Amino acid sequence: MQLKRFSAEFKSKTALEKLKEQNNNIRNSHLYQVYPNKVYTWKNYLMAFETYL
């Protein structure tokens, strides 16, 4: 089984939606067909490096 690869644009889009709390984690995961923990990880990564953006 091949792993899904997500672009940086896709990761940032879902993480920003999570930061804005437009959708909850479960809804994001269903909407974008990713596991909720991935969205959580991307959000934390974005928060950690937001000063560099």
PDB file of N, CA and C in Angstrom:
ATOM      1  N   MET A   1       0.833  -1.174   0.000  1.00  0.00           N
ATOM      2  CA  MET A   1       0.000   0.000   0.000  1.00  0.00           C
ATOM      3  C   MET A   1       0.880   1.240   0.000  1.00  0.00           C
ATOM      4  N   GLN A   2       0.589   2.157  -0.893  1.00  0.00           N
ATOM      5  CA  GLN A   2       1.390   3.359  -1.025  1.00  0.00           C
ATOM      6  C   GLN A   2       0.873   4.452  -0.088  1.00  0.00           C
ATOM      7  N   LEU A   3       1.807   5.162   0.538  1.00  0.00           N
ATOM      8  CA  LEU A   3       1.444   6.254   1.434  1.00  0.00           C
ATOM      9  C   LEU A   3       1.010   7.473   0.632  1.00  0.00           C
ATOM     10  N   LYS A   4       0.064   8.216   1.190  1.00  0.00           N
ATOM     11  CA  LYS A   4      -0.352   9.463   0.560  1.00  0.00           C
ATOM     12  C   LYS A   4       0.694  10.531   0.845  1.00  0.00           C
ATOM     13  N   ARG A   5       0.955  11.342  -0.144  1.00  0.00           N
ATOM     14  CA  ARG A   5       1.871  12.466   0.036  1.00  0.00           C
ATOM     15  C   ARG A   5       1.072  13.739  -0.174  1.00  0.00           C
ATOM     16  N   PHE A   6       1.242  14.671   0.749  1.00  0.00           N
ATOM     17  CA  PHE A   6       0.502  15.913   0.698  1.00  0.00           C
ATOM     18  C   PHE A   6       1.453  17.064   0.417  1.00  0.00           C
ATOM     19  N   SER A   7       1.006  18.002  -0.401  1.00  0.00           N
ATOM     20  CA  SER A   7       1.839  19.151  -0.730  1.00  0.00           C
ATOM     21  C   SER A   7       1.890  20.112   0.450  1.00  0.00           C
ATOM     22  N   ALA A   8       2.875  20.966   0.448  1.00  0.00           N
ATOM     23  CA  ALA A   8       3.015  21.965   1.505  1.00  0.00           C
ATOM     24  C   ALA A   8       1.823  22.915   1.496  1.00  0.00           C
ATOM     25  N   GLU A   9       1.313  23.217   0.322  1.00  0.00           N
ATOM     26  CA  GLU A   9       0.144  24.100   0.200  1.00  0.00           C
ATOM     27  C   GLU A   9      -1.072  23.476   0.872  1.00  0.00           C
ATOM     28  N   PHE A  10      -1.278  22.202   0.639  1.00  0.00           N
ATOM     29  CA  PHE A  10      -2.401  21.487   1.239  1.00  0.00           C
ATOM     30  C   PHE A  10      -2.273  21.448   2.761  1.00  0.00           C
ATOM     31  N   LYS A  11      -1.075  21.165   3.239  1.00  0.00           N
ATOM     32  CA  LYS A  11      -0.840  21.100   4.687  1.00  0.00           C
ATOM     33  C   LYS A  11      -1.090  22.448   5.343  1.00  0.00           C
ATOM     34  N   SER A  12      -0.598  23.508   4.717  1.00  0.00           N
ATOM     35  CA  SER A  12      -0.786  24.830   5.313  1.00  0.00           C
ATOM     36  C   SER A  12      -2.246  25.258   5.277  1.00  0.00           C
ATOM     37  N   LYS A  13      -2.950  24.894   4.226  1.00  0.00           N
ATOM     38  CA  LYS A  13      -4.371  25.233   4.120  1.00  0.00           C
ATOM     39  C   LYS A  13      -5.182  24.578   5.238  1.00  0.00           C
ATOM     40  N   THR A  14      -4.964  23.301   5.461  1.00  0.00           N
ATOM     41  CA  THR A  14      -5.712  22.598   6.500  1.00  0.00           C
ATOM     42  C   THR A  14      -5.298  23.066   7.891  1.00  0.00           C
ATOM     43  N   ALA A  15      -4.010  23.349   8.075  1.00  0.00           N
ATOM     44  CA  ALA A  15      -3.539  23.828   9.379  1.00  0.00           C
ATOM     45  C   ALA A  15      -4.098  25.209   9.690  1.00  0.00           C
ATOM     46  N   LEU A  16      -4.155  26.082   8.692  1.00  0.00           N
ATOM     47  CA  LEU A  16      -4.709  27.415   8.911  1.00  0.00           C
ATOM     48  C   LEU A  16      -6.188  27.353   9.244  1.00  0.00           C
ATOM     49  N   GLU A  17      -6.917  26.456   8.600  1.00  0.00           N
ATOM     50  CA  GLU A  17      -8.334  26.286   8.927  1.00  0.00           C
ATOM     51  C   GLU A  17      -8.492  25.824  10.367  1.00  0.00           C
ATOM     52  N   LYS A  18      -7.619  24.947  10.799  1.00  0.00           N
ATOM     53  CA  LYS A  18      -7.668  24.474  12.182  1.00  0.00           C
ATOM     54  C   LYS A  18      -7.339  25.608  13.152  1.00  0.00           C
ATOM     55  N   LEU A  19      -6.359  26.433  12.810  1.00  0.00           N
ATOM     56  CA  LEU A  19      -6.007  27.560  13.667  1.00  0.00           C
ATOM     57  C   LEU A  19      -7.160  28.565  13.769  1.00  0.00           C
ATOM     58  N   LYS A  20      -7.846  28.778  12.666  1.00  0.00           N
ATOM     59  CA  LYS A  20      -8.980  29.696  12.664  1.00  0.00           C
ATOM     60  C   LYS A  20     -10.207  29.073  13.306  1.00  0.00           C
ATOM     61  N   GLU A  21     -10.127  27.768  13.552  1.00  0.00           N
ATOM     62  CA  GLU A  21     -11.230  26.992  14.136  1.00  0.00           C
ATOM     63  C   GLU A  21     -12.494  27.063  13.274  1.00  0.00           C
ATOM     64  N   GLN A  22     -12.304  27.166  11.958  1.00  0.00           N
ATOM     65  CA  GLN A  22     -13.451  27.138  11.056  1.00  0.00           C
ATOM     66  C   GLN A  22     -14.111  25.769  11.097  1.00  0.00           C
ATOM     67  N   ASN A  23     -13.302  24.761  11.166  1.00  0.00           N
ATOM     68  CA  ASN A  23     -13.799  23.393  11.239  1.00  0.00           C
ATOM     69  C   ASN A  23     -13.066  22.689  12.368  1.00  0.00           C
ATOM     70  N   ASN A  24     -13.763  21.762  13.000  1.00  0.00           N
ATOM     71  CA  ASN A  24     -13.062  21.004  14.025  1.00  0.00           C
ATOM     72  C   ASN A  24     -12.197  19.927  13.372  1.00  0.00           C
ATOM     73  N   ASN A  25     -11.413  19.279  14.166  1.00  0.00           N
ATOM     74  CA  ASN A  25     -10.455  18.300  13.662  1.00  0.00           C
ATOM     75  C   ASN A  25     -11.125  17.156  12.913  1.00  0.00           C
ATOM     76  N   ILE A  26     -12.232  16.667  13.437  1.00  0.00           N
ATOM     77  CA  ILE A  26     -12.924  15.542  12.809  1.00  0.00           C
ATOM     78  C   ILE A  26     -13.495  15.963  11.461  1.00  0.00           C
ATOM     79  N   ARG A  27     -14.072  17.137  11.414  1.00  0.00           N
ATOM     80  CA  ARG A  27     -14.636  17.614  10.149  1.00  0.00           C
ATOM     81  C   ARG A  27     -13.532  17.818   9.111  1.00  0.00           C
ATOM     82  N   ASN A  28     -12.402  18.403   9.525  1.00  0.00           N
ATOM     83  CA  ASN A  28     -11.282  18.569   8.602  1.00  0.00           C
ATOM     84  C   ASN A  28     -10.803  17.229   8.068  1.00  0.00           C
ATOM     85  N   SER A  29     -10.720  16.259   8.939  1.00  0.00           N
ATOM     86  CA  SER A  29     -10.224  14.957   8.505  1.00  0.00           C
ATOM     87  C   SER A  29     -11.171  14.317   7.496  1.00  0.00           C
ATOM     88  N   HIS A  30     -12.462  14.446   7.702  1.00  0.00           N
ATOM     89  CA  HIS A  30     -13.420  13.899   6.743  1.00  0.00           C
ATOM     90  C   HIS A  30     -13.436  14.710   5.455  1.00  0.00           C
ATOM     91  N   LEU A  31     -13.345  16.011   5.582  1.00  0.00           N
ATOM     92  CA  LEU A  31     -13.389  16.891   4.418  1.00  0.00           C
ATOM     93  C   LEU A  31     -12.204  16.652   3.489  1.00  0.00           C
ATOM     94  N   TYR A  32     -11.018  16.511   4.073  1.00  0.00           N
ATOM     95  CA  TYR A  32      -9.801  16.352   3.275  1.00  0.00           C
ATOM     96  C   TYR A  32      -9.291  14.921   3.215  1.00  0.00           C
ATOM     97  N   GLN A  33      -9.992  13.999   3.841  1.00  0.00           N
ATOM     98  CA  GLN A  33      -9.646  12.583   3.846  1.00  0.00           C
ATOM     99  C   GLN A  33      -8.241  12.328   4.385  1.00  0.00           C
ATOM    100  N   VAL A  34      -7.974  12.903   5.550  1.00  0.00           N
ATOM    101  CA  VAL A  34      -6.723  12.663   6.263  1.00  0.00           C
ATOM    102  C   VAL A  34      -7.074  12.309   7.705  1.00  0.00           C
ATOM    103  N   TYR A  35      -6.145  11.711   8.407  1.00  0.00           N
ATOM    104  CA  TYR A  35      -6.374  11.367   9.806  1.00  0.00           C
ATOM    105  C   TYR A  35      -6.344  12.636  10.656  1.00  0.00           C
ATOM    106  N   PRO A  36      -7.172  12.697  11.697  1.00  0.00           N
ATOM    107  CA  PRO A  36      -7.198  13.888  12.562  1.00  0.00           C
ATOM    108  C   PRO A  36      -5.846  14.221  13.174  1.00  0.00           C
ATOM    109  N   ASN A  37      -5.046  13.210  13.497  1.00  0.00           N
ATOM    110  CA  ASN A  37      -3.747  13.491  14.098  1.00  0.00           C
ATOM    111  C   ASN A  37      -2.796  14.176  13.116  1.00  0.00           C
ATOM    112  N   LYS A  38      -2.979  13.974  11.809  1.00  0.00           N
ATOM    113  CA  LYS A  38      -2.161  14.668  10.810  1.00  0.00           C
ATOM    114  C   LYS A  38      -2.457  16.158  10.828  1.00  0.00           C
ATOM    115  N   VAL A  39      -3.741  16.516  10.871  1.00  0.00           N
ATOM    116  CA  VAL A  39      -4.130  17.925  10.915  1.00  0.00           C
ATOM    117  C   VAL A  39      -3.573  18.570  12.181  1.00  0.00           C
ATOM    118  N   TYR A  40      -3.661  17.872  13.290  1.00  0.00           N
ATOM    119  CA  TYR A  40      -3.129  18.364  14.564  1.00  0.00           C
ATOM    120  C   TYR A  40      -1.617  18.576  14.471  1.00  0.00           C
ATOM    121  N   THR A  41      -0.910  17.643  13.870  1.00  0.00           N
ATOM    122  CA  THR A  41       0.541  17.751  13.719  1.00  0.00           C
ATOM    123  C   THR A  41       0.911  18.934  12.842  1.00  0.00           C
ATOM    124  N   TRP A  42       0.211  19.093  11.723  1.00  0.00           N
ATOM    125  CA  TRP A  42       0.488  20.208  10.813  1.00  0.00           C
ATOM    126  C   TRP A  42       0.214  21.540  11.481  1.00  0.00           C
ATOM    127  N   LYS A  43      -0.846  21.611  12.292  1.00  0.00           N
ATOM    128  CA  LYS A  43      -1.181  22.842  13.017  1.00  0.00           C
ATOM    129  C   LYS A  43      -0.074  23.190  14.007  1.00  0.00           C
ATOM    130  N   ASN A  44       0.396  22.208  14.752  1.00  0.00           N
ATOM    131  CA  ASN A  44       1.465  22.453  15.723  1.00  0.00           C
ATOM    132  C   ASN A  44       2.761  22.869  15.039  1.00  0.00           C
ATOM    133  N   TYR A  45       3.064  22.267  13.910  1.00  0.00           N
ATOM    134  CA  TYR A  45       4.252  22.631  13.149  1.00  0.00           C
ATOM    135  C   TYR A  45       4.143  24.069  12.667  1.00  0.00           C
ATOM    136  N   LEU A  46       2.982  24.446  12.180  1.00  0.00           N
ATOM    137  CA  LEU A  46       2.766  25.804  11.708  1.00  0.00           C
ATOM    138  C   LEU A  46       2.902  26.806  12.846  1.00  0.00           C
ATOM    139  N   MET A  47       2.370  26.468  14.000  1.00  0.00           N
ATOM    140  CA  MET A  47       2.473  27.358  15.160  1.00  0.00           C
ATOM    141  C   MET A  47       3.918  27.497  15.625  1.00  0.00           C
ATOM    142  N   ALA A  48       4.692  26.440  15.553  1.00  0.00           N
ATOM    143  CA  ALA A  48       6.073  26.462  16.001  1.00  0.00           C
ATOM    144  C   ALA A  48       6.950  27.335  15.087  1.00  0.00           C
ATOM    145  N   PHE A  49       6.619  27.369  13.808  1.00  0.00           N
ATOM    146  CA  PHE A  49       7.453  28.086  12.855  1.00  0.00           C
ATOM    147  C   PHE A  49       6.782  29.329  12.272  1.00  0.00           C
ATOM    148  N   GLU A  50       5.743  29.833  12.941  1.00  0.00           N
ATOM    149  CA  GLU A  50       5.023  30.975  12.420  1.00  0.00           C
ATOM    150  C   GLU A  50       5.872  32.256  12.433  1.00  0.00           C
ATOM    151  N   THR A  51       6.840  32.331  13.298  1.00  0.00           N
ATOM    152  CA  THR A  51       7.690  33.524  13.345  1.00  0.00           C
ATOM    153  C   THR A  51       8.586  33.619  12.117  1.00  0.00           C
ATOM    154  N   TYR A  52       8.829  32.490  11.473  1.00  0.00           N
ATOM    155  CA  TYR A  52       9.691  32.480  10.293  1.00  0.00           C
ATOM    156  C   TYR A  52       8.906  32.738   9.003  1.00  0.00           C
ATOM    157  N   LEU A  53       7.587  32.728   9.078  1.00  0.00           N
ATOM    158  CA  LEU A  53       6.779  32.912   7.869  1.00  0.00           C
ATOM    159  C   LEU A  53       6.565  34.341   7.544  1.00  0.00           C
TER     160      LEU A  53
END
